[in-house]
C-alpha atoms as a PDB file:
ATOM      1  CA  MET A   1      50.185 -39.168   4.773  1.00  0.00           C
ATOM      2  CA  THR A   2      46.538 -38.497   5.395  1.00  0.00           C
ATOM      3  CA  ILE A   3      44.172 -36.866   3.044  1.00  0.00           C
ATOM      4  CA  GLN A   4      44.030 -34.019   5.348  1.00  0.00           C
ATOM      5  CA  ASN A   5      47.928 -33.330   5.791  1.00  0.00           C
ATOM      6  CA  GLN A   6      47.325 -34.154   1.821  1.00  0.00           C
ATOM      7  CA  THR A   7      45.117 -31.032   1.417  1.00  0.00           C
ATOM      8  CA  GLU A   8      46.790 -28.484   3.999  1.00  0.00           C
ATOM      9  CA  LYS A   9      49.728 -28.978   2.078  1.00  0.00           C
ATOM     10  CA  ILE A  10      48.314 -28.105  -0.750  1.00  0.00           C
ATOM     11  CA  VAL A  11      46.313 -25.124   0.096  1.00  0.00           C
ATOM     12  CA  MET A  12      49.640 -23.874   2.227  1.00  0.00           C
ATOM     13  CA  GLY A  13      51.572 -24.429  -1.367  1.00  0.00           C
ATOM     14  CA  GLU A  14      48.497 -22.194  -3.298  1.00  0.00           C
ATOM     15  CA  ILE A  15      49.003 -19.532  -0.194  1.00  0.00           C
ATOM     16  CA  LYS A  16      53.025 -19.713  -0.121  1.00  0.00           C
ATOM     17  CA  SER A  17      53.027 -18.347  -4.290  1.00  0.00           C
ATOM     18  CA  GLY A  18      49.858 -15.480  -3.736  1.00  0.00           C
ATOM     19  CA  ARG A  19      47.880 -17.974  -5.717  1.00  0.00           C
ATOM     20  CA  VAL A  20      45.209 -17.496  -2.786  1.00  0.00           C
ATOM     21  CA  LYS A  21      45.377 -14.440  -1.029  1.00  0.00           C
ATOM     22  CA  LEU A  22      43.541 -14.832   2.685  1.00  0.00           C
ATOM     23  CA  ARG A  23      41.299 -12.295   3.302  1.00  0.00           C
ATOM     24  CA  SER A  24      40.950 -10.388   7.098  1.00  0.00           C
ATOM     25  CA  LYS A  25      38.435 -11.827   9.569  1.00  0.00           C
ATOM     26  CA  TYR A  26      37.216  -8.428   9.923  1.00  0.00           C
ATOM     27  CA  LEU A  27      36.290  -8.811   6.466  1.00  0.00           C
ATOM     28  CA  PHE A  28      33.809 -11.667   6.794  1.00  0.00           C
ATOM     29  CA  LEU A  29      32.307  -9.519   9.841  1.00  0.00           C
ATOM     30  CA  VAL A  30      31.712  -6.300   8.217  1.00  0.00           C
ATOM     31  CA  GLU A  31      30.125  -8.502   5.379  1.00  0.00           C
ATOM     32  CA  LYS A  32      28.018 -10.642   7.996  1.00  0.00           C
ATOM     33  CA  PHE A  33      27.230  -7.307   9.807  1.00  0.00           C
ATOM     34  CA  GLY A  34      26.126  -5.603   5.859  1.00  0.00           C
ATOM     35  CA  LEU A  35      23.800  -8.255   5.081  1.00  0.00           C
ATOM     36  CA  GLY A  36      22.416  -8.991   8.209  1.00  0.00           C
ATOM     37  CA  SER A  37      21.541  -5.261   8.581  1.00  0.00           C
ATOM     38  CA  ALA A  38      20.584  -4.978   5.207  1.00  0.00           C
ATOM     39  CA  LEU A  39      18.867  -7.971   5.685  1.00  0.00           C
ATOM     40  CA  ILE A  40      16.700  -6.458   8.864  1.00  0.00           C
ATOM     41  CA  LEU A  41      15.845  -3.075   6.961  1.00  0.00           C
ATOM     42  CA  THR A  42      14.392  -5.220   3.925  1.00  0.00           C
ATOM     43  CA  VAL A  43      12.001  -6.707   6.789  1.00  0.00           C
ATOM     44  CA  LEU A  44      11.287  -3.910   8.622  1.00  0.00           C
ATOM     45  CA  LEU A  45      10.243  -2.108   5.469  1.00  0.00           C
ATOM     46  CA  ALA A  46       7.698  -5.488   4.238  1.00  0.00           C
ATOM     47  CA  ILE A  47       6.150  -5.612   7.244  1.00  0.00           C
ATOM     48  CA  LEU A  48       5.809  -1.657   7.115  1.00  0.00           C
ATOM     49  CA  PHE A  49       4.548  -1.800   3.134  1.00  0.00           C
ATOM     50  CA  PHE A  50       2.107  -5.341   4.323  1.00  0.00           C
ATOM     51  CA  ASN A  51       0.724  -3.161   7.370  1.00  0.00           C
ATOM     52  CA  LEU A  52      -0.552   0.100   4.791  1.00  0.00           C
ATOM     53  CA  VAL A  53      -1.860  -1.991   1.887  1.00  0.00           C
ATOM     54  CA  LEU A  54      -4.143  -3.363   4.690  1.00  0.00           C
ATOM     55  CA  PHE A  55      -4.763   0.309   6.144  1.00  0.00           C
ATOM     56  CA  TYR A  56      -5.968   1.359   2.048  1.00  0.00           C
ATOM     57  CA  LEU A  57      -8.010  -1.849   1.995  1.00  0.00           C
ATOM     58  CA  LYS A  58      -9.875  -0.910   4.849  1.00  0.00           C
ATOM     59  CA  SER A  59      -9.632   3.188   4.905  1.00  0.00           C
ATOM     60  CA  SER A  60     -10.062   3.893   1.135  1.00  0.00           C
ATOM     61  CA  ASP A  61     -12.854   3.786  -1.197  1.00  0.00           C
ATOM     62  CA  ASN A  62     -11.337   0.535  -3.311  1.00  0.00           C
ATOM     63  CA  LEU A  63     -13.415  -2.668  -1.170  1.00  0.00           C
ATOM     64  CA  GLY A  64     -16.742  -0.413  -0.951  1.00  0.00           C
ATOM     65  CA  TYR A  65     -16.968  -0.682  -5.125  1.00  0.00           C
ATOM     66  CA  LEU A  66     -16.866  -4.540  -4.773  1.00  0.00           C
ATOM     67  CA  SER A  67     -20.226  -3.697  -2.946  1.00  0.00           C
ATOM     68  CA  PHE A  68     -21.629  -2.479  -6.447  1.00  0.00           C
ATOM     69  CA  GLY A  69     -21.384  -5.934  -7.707  1.00  0.00           C
ATOM     70  CA  ASN A  70     -20.201  -6.427 -11.391  1.00  0.00           C
ATOM     71  CA  GLY A  71     -20.816  -3.023 -12.236  1.00  0.00           C
ATOM     72  CA  GLY A  72     -18.379  -2.127  -9.200  1.00  0.00           C
ATOM     73  CA  ILE A  73     -15.290  -4.350 -10.614  1.00  0.00           C
ATOM     74  CA  PHE A  74     -14.244  -1.425 -13.141  1.00  0.00           C
ATOM     75  CA  ALA A  75     -13.799   0.942 -10.484  1.00  0.00           C
ATOM     76  CA  PHE A  76     -11.911  -1.506  -8.026  1.00  0.00           C
ATOM     77  CA  LEU A  77      -9.551  -2.374 -10.254  1.00  0.00           C
ATOM     78  CA  GLN A  78      -8.615   1.462 -11.057  1.00  0.00           C
ATOM     79  CA  SER A  79      -8.382   2.359  -7.236  1.00  0.00           C
ATOM     80  CA  PHE A  80      -6.484  -0.563  -6.280  1.00  0.00           C
ATOM     81  CA  PRO A  81      -3.122  -0.301  -4.671  1.00  0.00           C
ATOM     82  CA  TYR A  82      -1.093  -1.496  -6.908  1.00  0.00           C
ATOM     83  CA  LEU A  83       2.131   0.307  -6.094  1.00  0.00           C
ATOM     84  CA  LEU A  84       1.838  -0.820  -2.817  1.00  0.00           C
ATOM     85  CA  VAL A  85       1.639  -4.367  -2.878  1.00  0.00           C
ATOM     86  CA  ILE A  86       4.406  -4.236  -5.803  1.00  0.00           C
ATOM     87  CA  SER A  87       6.318  -2.034  -3.291  1.00  0.00           C
ATOM     88  CA  PHE A  88       5.470  -5.216  -1.174  1.00  0.00           C
ATOM     89  CA  ILE A  89       6.429  -8.320  -3.045  1.00  0.00           C
ATOM     90  CA  ILE A  90       9.743  -7.091  -4.216  1.00  0.00           C
ATOM     91  CA  LEU A  91      10.642  -6.452  -0.984  1.00  0.00           C
ATOM     92  CA  ILE A  92      10.405  -9.712  -0.027  1.00  0.00           C
ATOM     93  CA  PHE A  93      11.545 -11.411  -3.057  1.00  0.00           C
ATOM     94  CA  ILE A  94      14.803  -8.573  -1.758  1.00  0.00           C
ATOM     95  CA  ALA A  95      14.823 -10.224   1.596  1.00  0.00           C
ATOM     96  CA  GLY A  96      14.802 -13.824   0.547  1.00  0.00           C
ATOM     97  CA  PHE A  97      17.493 -13.262  -1.742  1.00  0.00           C
ATOM     98  CA  ILE A  98      19.463 -11.562   0.848  1.00  0.00           C
ATOM     99  CA  ILE A  99      18.802 -14.537   3.183  1.00  0.00           C
ATOM    100  CA  LYS A 100      20.450 -17.096   0.209  1.00  0.00           C
ATOM    101  CA  MET A 101      23.860 -15.496   0.364  1.00  0.00           C
ATOM    102  CA  THR A 102      24.112 -15.958   3.721  1.00  0.00           C
ATOM    103  CA  ASP A 103      24.964 -18.919   6.181  1.00  0.00           C
ATOM    104  CA  PHE A 104      21.893 -19.477   7.491  1.00  0.00           C
ATOM    105  CA  ALA A 105      20.002 -20.859   4.018  1.00  0.00           C
ATOM    106  CA  TYR A 106      22.580 -23.503   4.207  1.00  0.00           C
ATOM    107  CA  LYS A 107      21.216 -25.035   7.519  1.00  0.00           C
ATOM    108  CA  LYS A 108      17.454 -25.255   6.539  1.00  0.00           C
ATOM    109  CA  PRO A 109      15.475 -25.912   3.228  1.00  0.00           C
ATOM    110  CA  PHE A 110      15.022 -22.340   1.427  1.00  0.00           C
ATOM    111  CA  GLY A 111      11.225 -23.735   0.721  1.00  0.00           C
ATOM    112  CA  TYR A 112      11.136 -23.317   4.431  1.00  0.00           C
ATOM    113  CA  VAL A 113      12.710 -20.182   4.952  1.00  0.00           C
ATOM    114  CA  ALA A 114      10.216 -18.404   2.452  1.00  0.00           C
ATOM    115  CA  VAL A 115       7.311 -19.498   4.263  1.00  0.00           C
ATOM    116  CA  GLY A 116       8.157 -18.137   7.337  1.00  0.00           C
ATOM    117  CA  LEU A 117       9.297 -15.488   5.891  1.00  0.00           C
ATOM    118  CA  VAL A 118       6.595 -14.638   4.512  1.00  0.00           C
ATOM    119  CA  SER A 119       4.315 -15.468   7.508  1.00  0.00           C
ATOM    120  CA  PHE A 120       6.239 -13.304   9.902  1.00  0.00           C
ATOM    121  CA  VAL A 121       6.318 -11.059   7.737  1.00  0.00           C
ATOM    122  CA  LEU A 122       1.985 -11.028   7.145  1.00  0.00           C
ATOM    123  CA  LEU A 123       1.910 -11.701  11.246  1.00  0.00           C
ATOM    124  CA  CYS A 124       3.874  -8.673  12.011  1.00  0.00           C
ATOM    125  CA  GLY A 125       1.816  -6.215   9.074  1.00  0.00           C
ATOM    126  CA  GLY A 126      -1.524  -7.382  11.091  1.00  0.00           C
ATOM    127  CA  ILE A 127      -0.446  -6.833  14.454  1.00  0.00           C
ATOM    128  CA  LEU A 128       0.535  -3.559  13.079  1.00  0.00           C
ATOM    129  CA  THR A 129      -3.006  -2.096  12.168  1.00  0.00           C
ATOM    130  CA  PHE A 130      -3.532  -2.414  16.052  1.00  0.00           C
ATOM    131  CA  THR A 131      -1.191   0.804  16.317  1.00  0.00           C
ATOM    132  CA  ASN A 132      -1.830   3.922  14.704  1.00  0.00           C
ATOM    133  CA  ILE A 133       1.219   4.027  12.808  1.00  0.00           C
ATOM    134  CA  ALA A 134      -0.681   3.872   9.041  1.00  0.00           C
ATOM    135  CA  GLU A 135      -2.576   6.590   9.914  1.00  0.00           C
ATOM    136  CA  ARG A 136       0.143   8.324  10.818  1.00  0.00           C
ATOM    137  CA  ILE A 137       1.805   7.991   7.957  1.00  0.00           C
ATOM    138  CA  GLU A 138      -0.856   8.850   5.839  1.00  0.00           C
ATOM    139  CA  MET A 139      -1.186  12.156   7.510  1.00  0.00           C
ATOM    140  CA  GLU A 140       2.513  12.712   6.453  1.00  0.00           C
ATOM    141  CA  SER A 141       2.139  12.001   2.790  1.00  0.00           C
ATOM    142  CA  TYR A 142       0.114  15.594   2.869  1.00  0.00           C
ATOM    143  CA  ASN A 143       3.374  16.946   4.453  1.00  0.00           C
ATOM    144  CA  PRO A 144       5.386  18.559   2.166  1.00  0.00           C
ATOM    145  CA  ARG A 145       8.930  17.696   3.726  1.00  0.00           C
ATOM    146  CA  MET A 146      11.045  14.802   2.138  1.00  0.00           C
ATOM    147  CA  THR A 147       8.745  11.446   3.663  1.00  0.00           C
ATOM    148  CA  GLY A 148       5.502  13.175   2.409  1.00  0.00           C
ATOM    149  CA  ARG A 149       6.902  13.594  -1.138  1.00  0.00           C
ATOM    150  CA  PHE A 150       8.296  10.185  -0.698  1.00  0.00           C
ATOM    151  CA  MET A 151       5.211   9.008   0.682  1.00  0.00           C
ATOM    152  CA  LYS A 152       2.564  10.287  -1.224  1.00  0.00           C
ATOM    153  CA  PRO A 153       2.666   7.895  -4.260  1.00  0.00           C
ATOM    154  CA  PHE A 154       1.928   5.517  -2.319  1.00  0.00           C
ATOM    155  CA  LEU A 155      -1.198   6.323  -0.445  1.00  0.00           C
ATOM    156  CA  ARG A 156      -1.998   9.483  -2.273  1.00  0.00           C
ATOM    157  CA  GLY A 157      -2.077   8.235  -5.559  1.00  0.00           C
ATOM    158  CA  GLY A 158      -4.671   6.084  -5.089  1.00  0.00           C
ATOM    159  CA  LEU A 159      -7.148   8.532  -4.399  1.00  0.00           C
ATOM    160  CA  GLY A 160      -7.065  10.222  -7.899  1.00  0.00           C
ATOM    161  CA  GLU A 161      -9.882  10.988 -10.212  1.00  0.00           C
ATOM    162  CA  ARG A 162     -11.258   7.995 -11.834  1.00  0.00           C
ATOM    163  CA  ALA A 163     -13.512   6.832 -15.202  1.00  0.00           C
ATOM    164  CA  GLY A 164     -15.437   4.476 -13.609  1.00  0.00           C
ATOM    165  CA  GLY A 165     -15.954   5.305  -9.750  1.00  0.00           C
ATOM    166  CA  VAL A 166     -16.141   8.527  -7.098  1.00  0.00           C
ATOM    167  CA  ALA A 167     -16.888   9.265  -3.506  1.00  0.00           C
ATOM    168  CA  GLY A 168     -17.077  12.628  -2.050  1.00  0.00           C
ATOM    169  CA  ARG A 169     -19.356  14.345   0.129  1.00  0.00           C
ATOM    170  CA  VAL A 170     -22.463  16.314  -1.274  1.00  0.00           C
ATOM    171  CA  VAL A 171     -22.326  19.198  -0.417  1.00  0.00           C
ATOM    172  CA  LYS A 172     -25.474  20.673  -2.674  1.00  0.00           C
ATOM    173  CA  ILE A 173     -28.776  18.699  -4.552  1.00  0.00           C
ATOM    174  CA  GLN A 174     -30.636  19.485  -7.210  1.00  0.00           C
ATOM    175  CA  ASP A 175     -33.113  18.441  -9.521  1.00  0.00           C
ATOM    176  CA  ASP A 176     -30.767  16.366 -11.582  1.00  0.00           C
ATOM    177  CA  TYR A 177     -27.392  16.143 -10.361  1.00  0.00           C
ATOM    178  CA  ILE A 178     -25.487  16.419  -7.383  1.00  0.00           C
ATOM    179  CA  LEU A 179     -22.379  18.113  -5.752  1.00  0.00           C
ATOM    180  CA  ILE A 180     -19.843  16.869  -4.156  1.00  0.00           C
ATOM    181  CA  GLN A 181     -16.424  17.125  -2.674  1.00  0.00           C
ATOM    182  CA  THR A 182     -13.729  14.697  -3.459  1.00  0.00           C
ATOM    183  CA  PRO A 183      -9.951  15.239  -1.880  1.00  0.00           C
ATOM    184  CA  ASN A 184      -9.015  16.582  -5.105  1.00  0.00           C
ATOM    185  CA  ASN A 185     -12.065  18.668  -6.282  1.00  0.00           C
ATOM    186  CA  LEU A 186     -16.202  19.704  -6.820  1.00  0.00           C
ATOM    187  CA  ILE A 187     -18.208  17.119  -9.224  1.00  0.00           C
ATOM    188  CA  LYS A 188     -21.118  16.998 -10.794  1.00  0.00           C
ATOM    189  CA  LEU A 189     -23.283  13.673 -10.182  1.00  0.00           C
ATOM    190  CA  PHE A 190     -26.041  13.673 -12.620  1.00  0.00           C
ATOM    191  CA  THR A 191     -28.561  11.020 -10.762  1.00  0.00           C
ATOM    192  CA  THR A 192     -31.828  10.956 -13.548  1.00  0.00           C
ATOM    193  CA  LYS A 193     -30.645   7.386 -13.784  1.00  0.00           C
ATOM    194  CA  ILE A 194     -31.326   7.418 -10.081  1.00  0.00           C
ATOM    195  CA  ASP A 195     -35.306   6.043  -7.921  1.00  0.00           C
ATOM    196  CA  GLU A 196     -36.620   9.336  -6.534  1.00  0.00           C
ATOM    197  CA  SER A 197     -36.602   7.752  -3.359  1.00  0.00           C
ATOM    198  CA  PHE A 198     -33.135   7.327  -3.034  1.00  0.00           C
ATOM    199  CA  ARG A 199     -32.716  10.610  -3.889  1.00  0.00           C
ATOM    200  CA  LYS A 200     -34.528  11.796  -1.587  1.00  0.00           C
ATOM    201  CA  LYS A 201     -32.416  10.002   1.085  1.00  0.00           C
ATOM    202  CA  LEU A 202     -29.564  12.120   0.463  1.00  0.00           C
ATOM    203  CA  GLN A 203     -28.703  15.069   2.806  1.00  0.00           C
ATOM    204  CA  PRO A 204     -26.263  17.755   2.886  1.00  0.00           C
ATOM    205  CA  GLY A 205     -22.829  16.231   4.360  1.00  0.00           C
ATOM    206  CA  MET A 206     -23.071  12.990   3.957  1.00  0.00           C
ATOM    207  CA  PHE A 207     -20.201  10.743   2.063  1.00  0.00           C
ATOM    208  CA  ILE A 208     -21.280   9.088  -1.033  1.00  0.00           C
ATOM    209  CA  MET A 209     -19.932   6.818  -3.327  1.00  0.00           C
ATOM    210  CA  ALA A 210     -21.204   5.563  -6.812  1.00  0.00           C
ATOM    211  CA  ILE A 211     -20.201   4.151 -10.186  1.00  0.00           C
ATOM    212  CA  GLY A 212     -20.800   5.143 -13.816  1.00  0.00           C
ATOM    213  CA  GLN A 213     -18.865   7.304 -16.120  1.00  0.00           C
ATOM    214  CA  ASN A 214     -16.770  10.420 -16.114  1.00  0.00           C
ATOM    215  CA  THR A 215     -18.562  12.599 -18.782  1.00  0.00           C
ATOM    216  CA  LYS A 216     -16.980  16.278 -20.003  1.00  0.00           C
ATOM    217  CA  ASP A 217     -19.088  17.718 -17.655  1.00  0.00           C
ATOM    218  CA  GLY A 218     -19.266  15.300 -14.591  1.00  0.00           C
ATOM    219  CA  PHE A 219     -19.762  12.162 -13.812  1.00  0.00           C
ATOM    220  CA  GLU A 220     -23.236  10.107 -15.102  1.00  0.00           C
ATOM    221  CA  VAL A 221     -24.304   8.004 -11.634  1.00  0.00           C
ATOM    222  CA  ARG A 222     -25.375   4.443 -12.025  1.00  0.00           C
ATOM    223  CA  GLN A 223     -25.608   3.762  -9.107  1.00  0.00           C
ATOM    224  CA  ILE A 224     -25.242   5.379  -5.641  1.00  0.00           C
ATOM    225  CA  ARG A 225     -24.966   4.436  -2.118  1.00  0.00           C
ATOM    226  CA  ILE A 226     -24.576   6.469   0.687  1.00  0.00           C
ATOM    227  CA  VAL A 227     -21.249   5.813   2.994  1.00  0.00           C
ATOM    228  CA  SER A 228     -21.179   4.748   6.832  1.00  0.00           C
ATOM    229  CA  GLU A 229     -18.997   6.713   9.632  1.00  0.00           C
ATOM    230  CA  GLN A 230     -16.603   3.609   9.559  1.00  0.00           C
ATOM    231  CA  GLU A 231     -16.371   3.535   5.938  1.00  0.00           C
ATOM    232  CA  ASN A 232     -13.716   5.351   3.465  1.00  0.00           C
ATOM    233  CA  GLN A 233     -11.539   6.971   6.044  1.00  0.00           C
ATOM    234  CA  MET A 234      -8.997   8.300   3.799  1.00  0.00           C
ATOM    235  CA  VAL A 235     -11.284   9.959   1.374  1.00  0.00           C
ATOM    236  CA  ARG A 236     -12.716  11.552   4.195  1.00  0.00           C
ATOM    237  CA  HIS A 237      -9.649  13.113   5.406  1.00  0.00           C
ATOM    238  CA  GLY A 238      -8.441  14.067   2.124  1.00  0.00           C
ATOM    239  CA  VAL A 239     -12.101  16.234   1.792  1.00  0.00           C
ATOM    240  CA  HIS A 240     -11.554  17.547   5.123  1.00  0.00           C
ATOM    241  CA  ARG A 241      -8.189  18.583   4.098  1.00  0.00           C
ATOM    242  CA  ARG A 242      -9.312  19.939   0.663  1.00  0.00           C
ATOM    243  CA  PHE A 243     -12.037  21.826   2.074  1.00  0.00           C
ATOM    244  CA  GLY A 244     -12.110  22.194   5.502  1.00  0.00           C
ATOM    245  CA  ASN A 245     -15.273  20.860   7.632  1.00  0.00           C
ATOM    246  CA  PHE A 246     -19.193  21.053   5.937  1.00  0.00           C
ATOM    247  CA  ILE A 247     -21.172  23.994   6.698  1.00  0.00           C
ATOM    248  CA  ASN A 248     -24.425  24.054   5.289  1.00  0.00           C
ATOM    249  CA  ARG A 249     -25.409  26.743   4.012  1.00  0.00           C
END
């Protein structure tokens, strides 16, 4: 009797004894379909969140603080999209875990699979930057519907008040301070440490960003710069929604 015949006899004996139970092929199909669906959904979410990370870095005031040099690092760290980045990383790990549960992981070295997965997500997320899906999600975050409430912490949470930086629209210029509109409220920026020649460049309606320190009366500016029309789009959108279009009185 061959080894194969012996193995078949042992297996059949175990099945007949009831110690081993056969599973329906439909259960295997359901599990395979479930894992496949979960993997596709997780990868799509990872692509979307990576795209939102890129959108946030491009459209918020976050990277702008690095233009101030070492003095802007604190404000950069305060405004960094930690929740978006952490969510993206978690989704990548979940996708990798699902792949390890499938038979695909046995056919290829997992290291190559992981590199391919990450590369695919980064590539697709980068391609999405040429669409307006991130802008639409940002607009939805201001909506009181369920989807808006879900996305609000990921995007609008990064535009809150900070101790070391501020960005907004100039609405009033006085001798020792300027008044700006942020996506949340009005803030006094005390500019006694700012060169007078720069102050003369400021005009109501301009968008600026500054680093310094919060005080009980406002914000003590250490460095300040005028923001171009292409920068800080999320801040601009937030200000427009909070205060409307600028009217010079």
